[in-house]
Amino acid sequence: RFSSYVAYYFDIASLKEQGFYDDPPSSWFYAMQLSVFLLITLASKFILGLLFISFELEFDKIGSLICLPFRDNPTAELTFVMVVCPTFLNIIQYWIQDNILM
């Protein structure tokens, strides 16, 4: 929404309508929209990084609590940490970004 607002304010045709690449399709429109998407993704990663650094001890306690049931089984803990958690977090991240960028 913010990028659309900026596009209309500064009259940037390539950013006014996301998902529209002109007729016939223009690589410039695509590149501009891709750049905005990459900037938004970079900003979200930066903000998350700052949050992780700021609340490192709290996240460590939460992680220890979540992994508590797997302490006796290192293979299950590794599977949970390397497969289940990233899959779940990627689903949540995709859902949030899709709702924001939609």
Protein backbone atom coordinates (compact mmCIF):
# COMPACT_ATOMS: atom_id res chain seq x y z
CA ARG A 1 0.00 0.00 0.00
CA PHE A 2 2.81 2.36 0.84
CA SER A 3 4.56 1.66 -2.46
CA SER A 4 1.28 2.31 -4.31
CA TYR A 5 0.85 5.57 -2.42
CA VAL A 6 4.40 6.64 -3.31
CA ALA A 7 3.84 5.57 -6.94
CA TYR A 8 0.71 7.69 -7.26
CA TYR A 9 2.24 10.63 -5.41
CA PHE A 10 5.35 10.70 -7.64
CA ASP A 11 3.47 9.41 -10.72
CA ILE A 12 5.59 6.27 -11.18
CA ALA A 13 3.58 4.22 -13.66
CA SER A 14 5.53 0.99 -13.17
CA LEU A 15 4.60 0.82 -9.46
CA LYS A 16 1.00 2.00 -9.54
CA GLU A 17 -0.48 -1.48 -10.00
CA GLN A 18 1.35 -4.50 -8.59
CA GLY A 19 1.32 -7.52 -10.87
CA PHE A 20 0.69 -5.43 -13.99
CA TYR A 21 3.71 -5.25 -16.28
CA ASP A 22 2.27 -3.04 -19.07
CA ASP A 23 0.87 -4.16 -22.39
CA PRO A 24 2.98 -5.59 -24.00
CA PRO A 25 4.85 -6.71 -20.85
CA SER A 26 7.77 -4.47 -20.01
CA SER A 27 10.91 -5.70 -18.31
CA TRP A 28 11.22 -2.22 -16.73
CA PHE A 29 7.87 -2.59 -14.95
CA TYR A 30 8.86 -6.04 -13.75
CA ALA A 31 12.30 -4.85 -12.56
CA MET A 32 10.80 -1.93 -10.63
CA GLN A 33 8.22 -4.12 -8.90
CA LEU A 34 10.85 -6.75 -8.15
CA SER A 35 13.09 -4.06 -6.65
CA VAL A 36 10.29 -2.89 -4.35
CA PHE A 37 9.60 -6.48 -3.29
CA LEU A 38 13.30 -7.07 -2.57
CA LEU A 39 13.53 -3.84 -0.56
CA ILE A 40 10.50 -4.80 1.53
CA THR A 41 11.94 -8.28 2.11
CA LEU A 42 15.34 -6.83 3.05
CA ALA A 43 13.71 -4.39 5.47
CA SER A 44 11.72 -7.19 7.11
CA LYS A 45 14.87 -9.32 7.52
CA PHE A 46 16.72 -6.35 9.01
CA ILE A 47 13.92 -5.66 11.50
CA LEU A 48 13.73 -9.34 12.46
CA GLY A 49 17.50 -9.42 12.91
CA LEU A 50 17.33 -6.44 15.26
CA LEU A 51 14.54 -8.12 17.23
CA PHE A 52 16.52 -11.36 17.51
CA ILE A 53 19.59 -9.48 18.74
CA SER A 54 17.55 -7.39 21.18
CA PHE A 55 15.68 -10.32 22.69
CA GLU A 56 18.39 -12.99 22.42
CA LEU A 57 18.07 -14.22 26.01
CA GLU A 58 14.29 -14.43 25.87
CA PHE A 59 14.40 -16.38 22.58
CA ASP A 60 17.03 -18.70 24.07
CA LYS A 61 14.71 -19.48 26.99
CA ILE A 62 11.75 -20.06 24.65
CA GLY A 63 13.86 -22.32 22.42
CA SER A 64 15.05 -24.35 25.40
CA LEU A 65 11.48 -24.73 26.59
CA ILE A 66 10.23 -25.83 23.15
CA CYS A 67 13.04 -28.39 22.76
CA LEU A 68 12.64 -29.77 26.27
CA PRO A 69 10.58 -32.82 25.16
CA PHE A 70 13.37 -33.81 22.72
CA ARG A 71 16.33 -33.72 25.16
CA ASP A 72 16.55 -37.51 25.38
CA ASN A 73 16.42 -38.02 21.61
CA PRO A 74 19.03 -35.93 19.73
CA THR A 75 17.82 -37.19 16.33
CA ALA A 76 14.24 -36.05 17.01
CA GLU A 77 15.52 -32.71 18.32
CA LEU A 78 17.66 -32.22 15.21
CA THR A 79 14.73 -33.08 12.94
CA PHE A 80 12.46 -30.71 14.84
CA VAL A 81 14.98 -27.84 14.75
CA MET A 82 16.17 -28.35 11.15
CA VAL A 83 12.90 -29.37 9.42
CA VAL A 84 9.75 -28.71 11.43
CA CYS A 85 10.57 -25.26 12.85
CA PRO A 86 11.89 -23.72 9.59
CA THR A 87 8.92 -25.09 7.64
CA PHE A 88 6.45 -23.69 10.14
CA LEU A 89 8.22 -20.31 10.32
CA ASN A 90 8.45 -20.04 6.52
CA ILE A 91 4.72 -20.70 6.22
CA ILE A 92 4.00 -17.95 8.74
CA GLN A 93 6.42 -15.54 7.03
CA TYR A 94 4.90 -16.22 3.61
CA TRP A 95 1.37 -15.73 4.97
CA ILE A 96 2.27 -12.41 6.64
CA GLN A 97 4.15 -11.05 3.62
CA ASP A 98 1.42 -12.15 1.24
CA ASN A 99 -1.20 -10.33 3.30
CA ILE A 100 0.93 -7.18 3.52
CA LEU A 101 1.96 -7.12 -0.15
CA MET A 102 -1.43 -8.14 -1.51
